[in-house]
PDB file of N, CA and C in Angstrom:
ATOM      1  N   MET A   1      20.733 -23.522 -17.765  1.00  0.00           N
ATOM      2  CA  MET A   1      19.857 -24.348 -16.945  1.00  0.00           C
ATOM      3  C   MET A   1      18.640 -24.756 -17.777  1.00  0.00           C
ATOM      4  N   ASN A   2      18.260 -25.969 -17.618  1.00  0.00           N
ATOM      5  CA  ASN A   2      17.114 -26.530 -18.319  1.00  0.00           C
ATOM      6  C   ASN A   2      15.819 -25.880 -17.798  1.00  0.00           C
ATOM      7  N   PRO A   3      14.942 -25.419 -18.693  1.00  0.00           N
ATOM      8  CA  PRO A   3      13.696 -24.767 -18.242  1.00  0.00           C
ATOM      9  C   PRO A   3      12.822 -25.673 -17.374  1.00  0.00           C
ATOM     10  N   ILE A   4      12.805 -26.962 -17.663  1.00  0.00           N
ATOM     11  CA  ILE A   4      11.984 -27.888 -16.871  1.00  0.00           C
ATOM     12  C   ILE A   4      12.531 -27.984 -15.446  1.00  0.00           C
ATOM     13  N   ASN A   5      13.848 -28.082 -15.325  1.00  0.00           N
ATOM     14  CA  ASN A   5      14.460 -28.134 -13.994  1.00  0.00           C
ATOM     15  C   ASN A   5      14.220 -26.837 -13.229  1.00  0.00           C
ATOM     16  N   TYR A   6      14.292 -25.724 -13.937  1.00  0.00           N
ATOM     17  CA  TYR A   6      14.049 -24.433 -13.311  1.00  0.00           C
ATOM     18  C   TYR A   6      12.640 -24.369 -12.722  1.00  0.00           C
ATOM     19  N   ILE A   7      11.676 -24.803 -13.476  1.00  0.00           N
ATOM     20  CA  ILE A   7      10.287 -24.796 -13.006  1.00  0.00           C
ATOM     21  C   ILE A   7      10.124 -25.730 -11.816  1.00  0.00           C
ATOM     22  N   LYS A   8      10.709 -26.917 -11.886  1.00  0.00           N
ATOM     23  CA  LYS A   8      10.613 -27.869 -10.770  1.00  0.00           C
ATOM     24  C   LYS A   8      11.260 -27.312  -9.512  1.00  0.00           C
ATOM     25  N   GLU A   9      12.445 -26.711  -9.657  1.00  0.00           N
ATOM     26  CA  GLU A   9      13.131 -26.148  -8.495  1.00  0.00           C
ATOM     27  C   GLU A   9      12.369 -24.952  -7.927  1.00  0.00           C
ATOM     28  N   SER A  10      11.815 -24.137  -8.802  1.00  0.00           N
ATOM     29  CA  SER A  10      11.028 -22.994  -8.343  1.00  0.00           C
ATOM     30  C   SER A  10       9.803 -23.452  -7.561  1.00  0.00           C
ATOM     31  N   TYR A  11       9.113 -24.453  -8.090  1.00  0.00           N
ATOM     32  CA  TYR A  11       7.933 -24.983  -7.408  1.00  0.00           C
ATOM     33  C   TYR A  11       8.331 -25.571  -6.054  1.00  0.00           C
ATOM     34  N   SER A  12       9.415 -26.324  -6.034  1.00  0.00           N
ATOM     35  CA  SER A  12       9.884 -26.937  -4.792  1.00  0.00           C
ATOM     36  C   SER A  12      10.214 -25.872  -3.756  1.00  0.00           C
ATOM     37  N   GLU A  13      10.865 -24.811  -4.184  1.00  0.00           N
ATOM     38  CA  GLU A  13      11.215 -23.743  -3.258  1.00  0.00           C
ATOM     39  C   GLU A  13       9.967 -23.049  -2.721  1.00  0.00           C
ATOM     40  N   LEU A  14       8.997 -22.792  -3.591  1.00  0.00           N
ATOM     41  CA  LEU A  14       7.761 -22.137  -3.143  1.00  0.00           C
ATOM     42  C   LEU A  14       6.995 -22.992  -2.147  1.00  0.00           C
ATOM     43  N   VAL A  15       7.010 -24.299  -2.340  1.00  0.00           N
ATOM     44  CA  VAL A  15       6.242 -25.199  -1.472  1.00  0.00           C
ATOM     45  C   VAL A  15       6.964 -25.469  -0.158  1.00  0.00           C
ATOM     46  N   GLN A  16       8.286 -25.647  -0.200  1.00  0.00           N
ATOM     47  CA  GLN A  16       9.010 -26.110   0.978  1.00  0.00           C
ATOM     48  C   GLN A  16       9.756 -25.018   1.742  1.00  0.00           C
ATOM     49  N   LYS A  17      10.236 -23.981   1.062  1.00  0.00           N
ATOM     50  CA  LYS A  17      11.116 -23.018   1.719  1.00  0.00           C
ATOM     51  C   LYS A  17      10.452 -21.685   2.053  1.00  0.00           C
ATOM     52  N   VAL A  18       9.419 -21.330   1.328  1.00  0.00           N
ATOM     53  CA  VAL A  18       8.769 -20.046   1.555  1.00  0.00           C
ATOM     54  C   VAL A  18       7.798 -20.176   2.716  1.00  0.00           C
ATOM     55  N   SER A  19       7.871 -19.206   3.635  1.00  0.00           N
ATOM     56  CA  SER A  19       6.915 -19.223   4.744  1.00  0.00           C
ATOM     57  C   SER A  19       5.751 -18.293   4.385  1.00  0.00           C
ATOM     58  N   TRP A  20       4.590 -18.862   4.195  1.00  0.00           N
ATOM     59  CA  TRP A  20       3.418 -18.106   3.784  1.00  0.00           C
ATOM     60  C   TRP A  20       2.706 -17.578   5.028  1.00  0.00           C
ATOM     61  N   PRO A  21       2.177 -16.359   4.965  1.00  0.00           N
ATOM     62  CA  PRO A  21       1.473 -15.805   6.130  1.00  0.00           C
ATOM     63  C   PRO A  21       0.148 -16.525   6.364  1.00  0.00           C
ATOM     64  N   THR A  22      -0.256 -16.506   7.625  1.00  0.00           N
ATOM     65  CA  THR A  22      -1.540 -17.111   7.971  1.00  0.00           C
ATOM     66  C   THR A  22      -2.670 -16.156   7.578  1.00  0.00           C
ATOM     67  N   SER A  23      -3.868 -16.659   7.634  1.00  0.00           N
ATOM     68  CA  SER A  23      -5.033 -15.832   7.308  1.00  0.00           C
ATOM     69  C   SER A  23      -5.144 -14.654   8.272  1.00  0.00           C
ATOM     70  N   LYS A  24      -4.862 -14.900   9.542  1.00  0.00           N
ATOM     71  CA  LYS A  24      -4.933 -13.833  10.551  1.00  0.00           C
ATOM     72  C   LYS A  24      -3.880 -12.753  10.270  1.00  0.00           C
ATOM     73  N   GLU A  25      -2.674 -13.167   9.893  1.00  0.00           N
ATOM     74  CA  GLU A  25      -1.625 -12.205   9.565  1.00  0.00           C
ATOM     75  C   GLU A  25      -2.004 -11.369   8.345  1.00  0.00           C
ATOM     76  N   LEU A  26      -2.597 -12.008   7.347  1.00  0.00           N
ATOM     77  CA  LEU A  26      -3.033 -11.271   6.155  1.00  0.00           C
ATOM     78  C   LEU A  26      -4.126 -10.262   6.498  1.00  0.00           C
ATOM     79  N   THR A  27      -5.060 -10.685   7.353  1.00  0.00           N
ATOM     80  CA  THR A  27      -6.137  -9.784   7.758  1.00  0.00           C
ATOM     81  C   THR A  27      -5.577  -8.591   8.514  1.00  0.00           C
ATOM     82  N   ASN A  28      -4.657  -8.848   9.448  1.00  0.00           N
ATOM     83  CA  ASN A  28      -4.052  -7.757  10.216  1.00  0.00           C
ATOM     84  C   ASN A  28      -3.300  -6.795   9.299  1.00  0.00           C
ATOM     85  N   SER A  29      -2.567  -7.337   8.347  1.00  0.00           N
ATOM     86  CA  SER A  29      -1.825  -6.493   7.410  1.00  0.00           C
ATOM     87  C   SER A  29      -2.773  -5.654   6.553  1.00  0.00           C
ATOM     88  N   ALA A  30      -3.866  -6.262   6.122  1.00  0.00           N
ATOM     89  CA  ALA A  30      -4.842  -5.533   5.305  1.00  0.00           C
ATOM     90  C   ALA A  30      -5.471  -4.392   6.099  1.00  0.00           C
ATOM     91  N   VAL A  31      -5.751  -4.632   7.373  1.00  0.00           N
ATOM     92  CA  VAL A  31      -6.334  -3.588   8.223  1.00  0.00           C
ATOM     93  C   VAL A  31      -5.339  -2.441   8.407  1.00  0.00           C
ATOM     94  N   VAL A  32      -4.073  -2.772   8.623  1.00  0.00           N
ATOM     95  CA  VAL A  32      -3.044  -1.735   8.778  1.00  0.00           C
ATOM     96  C   VAL A  32      -2.940  -0.892   7.510  1.00  0.00           C
ATOM     97  N   VAL A  33      -2.939  -1.542   6.353  1.00  0.00           N
ATOM     98  CA  VAL A  33      -2.861  -0.816   5.086  1.00  0.00           C
ATOM     99  C   VAL A  33      -4.098   0.053   4.889  1.00  0.00           C
ATOM    100  N   LEU A  34      -5.264  -0.464   5.236  1.00  0.00           N
ATOM    101  CA  LEU A  34      -6.500   0.307   5.097  1.00  0.00           C
ATOM    102  C   LEU A  34      -6.474   1.557   5.974  1.00  0.00           C
ATOM    103  N   ILE A  35      -6.078   1.399   7.226  1.00  0.00           N
ATOM    104  CA  ILE A  35      -6.019   2.535   8.150  1.00  0.00           C
ATOM    105  C   ILE A  35      -4.983   3.557   7.687  1.00  0.00           C
ATOM    106  N   ALA A  36      -3.802   3.076   7.267  1.00  0.00           N
ATOM    107  CA  ALA A  36      -2.772   3.991   6.777  1.00  0.00           C
ATOM    108  C   ALA A  36      -3.257   4.745   5.537  1.00  0.00           C
ATOM    109  N   SER A  37      -3.956   4.064   4.649  1.00  0.00           N
ATOM    110  CA  SER A  37      -4.476   4.705   3.440  1.00  0.00           C
ATOM    111  C   SER A  37      -5.497   5.783   3.783  1.00  0.00           C
ATOM    112  N   ILE A  38      -6.355   5.495   4.738  1.00  0.00           N
ATOM    113  CA  ILE A  38      -7.359   6.481   5.154  1.00  0.00           C
ATOM    114  C   ILE A  38      -6.686   7.692   5.781  1.00  0.00           C
ATOM    115  N   ILE A  39      -5.688   7.465   6.630  1.00  0.00           N
ATOM    116  CA  ILE A  39      -4.981   8.580   7.274  1.00  0.00           C
ATOM    117  C   ILE A  39      -4.280   9.439   6.227  1.00  0.00           C
ATOM    118  N   ILE A  40      -3.597   8.804   5.286  1.00  0.00           N
ATOM    119  CA  ILE A  40      -2.903   9.559   4.231  1.00  0.00           C
ATOM    120  C   ILE A  40      -3.902  10.331   3.383  1.00  0.00           C
ATOM    121  N   ALA A  41      -5.043   9.715   3.065  1.00  0.00           N
ATOM    122  CA  ALA A  41      -6.074  10.409   2.277  1.00  0.00           C
ATOM    123  C   ALA A  41      -6.603  11.622   3.027  1.00  0.00           C
ATOM    124  N   LEU A  42      -6.801  11.493   4.335  1.00  0.00           N
ATOM    125  CA  LEU A  42      -7.282  12.629   5.137  1.00  0.00           C
ATOM    126  C   LEU A  42      -6.251  13.753   5.195  1.00  0.00           C
ATOM    127  N   VAL A  43      -4.972  13.396   5.307  1.00  0.00           N
ATOM    128  CA  VAL A  43      -3.915  14.409   5.331  1.00  0.00           C
ATOM    129  C   VAL A  43      -3.864  15.148   4.001  1.00  0.00           C
ATOM    130  N   VAL A  44      -3.932  14.410   2.894  1.00  0.00           N
ATOM    131  CA  VAL A  44      -3.915  15.050   1.574  1.00  0.00           C
ATOM    132  C   VAL A  44      -5.144  15.919   1.384  1.00  0.00           C
ATOM    133  N   TRP A  45      -6.300  15.449   1.846  1.00  0.00           N
ATOM    134  CA  TRP A  45      -7.531  16.243   1.747  1.00  0.00           C
ATOM    135  C   TRP A  45      -7.399  17.546   2.541  1.00  0.00           C
ATOM    136  N   ALA A  46      -6.840  17.454   3.758  1.00  0.00           N
ATOM    137  CA  ALA A  46      -6.668  18.648   4.593  1.00  0.00           C
ATOM    138  C   ALA A  46      -5.690  19.629   3.942  1.00  0.00           C
ATOM    139  N   MET A  47      -4.624  19.113   3.356  1.00  0.00           N
ATOM    140  CA  MET A  47      -3.665  19.986   2.668  1.00  0.00           C
ATOM    141  C   MET A  47      -4.319  20.660   1.470  1.00  0.00           C
ATOM    142  N   ASP A  48      -5.123  19.919   0.721  1.00  0.00           N
ATOM    143  CA  ASP A  48      -5.814  20.487  -0.429  1.00  0.00           C
ATOM    144  C   ASP A  48      -6.789  21.570   0.001  1.00  0.00           C
ATOM    145  N   LEU A  49      -7.528  21.299   1.057  1.00  0.00           N
ATOM    146  CA  LEU A  49      -8.487  22.280   1.574  1.00  0.00           C
ATOM    147  C   LEU A  49      -7.769  23.547   2.041  1.00  0.00           C
ATOM    148  N   SER A  50      -6.656  23.372   2.740  1.00  0.00           N
ATOM    149  CA  SER A  50      -5.875  24.516   3.214  1.00  0.00           C
ATOM    150  C   SER A  50      -5.320  25.320   2.044  1.00  0.00           C
ATOM    151  N   PHE A  51      -4.764  24.629   1.064  1.00  0.00           N
ATOM    152  CA  PHE A  51      -4.213  25.318  -0.097  1.00  0.00           C
ATOM    153  C   PHE A  51      -5.299  26.086  -0.837  1.00  0.00           C
ATOM    154  N   GLU A  52      -6.469  25.473  -0.958  1.00  0.00           N
ATOM    155  CA  GLU A  52      -7.581  26.160  -1.625  1.00  0.00           C
ATOM    156  C   GLU A  52      -7.970  27.424  -0.864  1.00  0.00           C
ATOM    157  N   ALA A  53      -8.031  27.341   0.462  1.00  0.00           N
ATOM    158  CA  ALA A  53      -8.397  28.513   1.265  1.00  0.00           C
ATOM    159  C   ALA A  53      -7.340  29.608   1.149  1.00  0.00           C
ATOM    160  N   ILE A  54      -6.079  29.229   1.175  1.00  0.00           N
ATOM    161  CA  ILE A  54      -4.992  30.219   1.043  1.00  0.00           C
ATOM    162  C   ILE A  54      -5.051  30.887  -0.316  1.00  0.00           C
ATOM    163  N   MET A  55      -5.208  30.099  -1.376  1.00  0.00           N
ATOM    164  CA  MET A  55      -5.247  30.668  -2.715  1.00  0.00           C
ATOM    165  C   MET A  55      -6.473  31.559  -2.915  1.00  0.00           C
ATOM    166  N   THR A  56      -7.595  31.158  -2.362  1.00  0.00           N
ATOM    167  CA  THR A  56      -8.806  31.988  -2.455  1.00  0.00           C
ATOM    168  C   THR A  56      -8.583  33.313  -1.749  1.00  0.00           C
ATOM    169  N   PHE A  57      -7.956  33.274  -0.579  1.00  0.00           N
ATOM    170  CA  PHE A  57      -7.657  34.493   0.177  1.00  0.00           C
ATOM    171  C   PHE A  57      -6.730  35.407  -0.627  1.00  0.00           C
ATOM    172  N   ILE A  58      -5.685  34.825  -1.218  1.00  0.00           N
ATOM    173  CA  ILE A  58      -4.723  35.620  -1.994  1.00  0.00           C
ATOM    174  C   ILE A  58      -5.391  36.241  -3.206  1.00  0.00           C
ATOM    175  N   TYR A  59      -6.193  35.459  -3.951  1.00  0.00           N
ATOM    176  CA  TYR A  59      -6.821  35.990  -5.158  1.00  0.00           C
ATOM    177  C   TYR A  59      -7.899  37.029  -4.854  1.00  0.00           C
ATOM    178  N   GLU A  60      -8.539  36.938  -3.696  1.00  0.00           N
ATOM    179  CA  GLU A  60      -9.528  37.954  -3.334  1.00  0.00           C
ATOM    180  C   GLU A  60      -8.844  39.271  -2.990  1.00  0.00           C
ATOM    181  N   LYS A  61      -7.625  39.212  -2.478  1.00  0.00           N
ATOM    182  CA  LYS A  61      -6.885  40.430  -2.124  1.00  0.00           C
ATOM    183  C   LYS A  61      -6.304  41.123  -3.350  1.00  0.00           C
ATOM    184  N   LEU A  62      -6.150  40.387  -4.439  1.00  0.00           N
ATOM    185  CA  LEU A  62      -5.610  41.004  -5.661  1.00  0.00           C
ATOM    186  C   LEU A  62      -6.686  41.795  -6.290  1.00  0.00           C
TER     187      LEU A  62
END
C-alpha cells in the first residue's frame, strides 16, 4: 500500500468514522477515574498501615 494513500485513508477514517466523546463525557470519565484512583490509593494505604502494625507487633514479641 502506498504510504500517501494510507495516510489519506487513516485521516478520512478518523474524521468520518470515529465517534469522538463529547466534553461532558470526557469530564464524567475523568471524574470516575479520579474517584477510582482515590479509592484504590486509600485501600493500598490501609493495607500498608495494617501490615506495618502487624509487623511491628510481631517484631516486638520476638
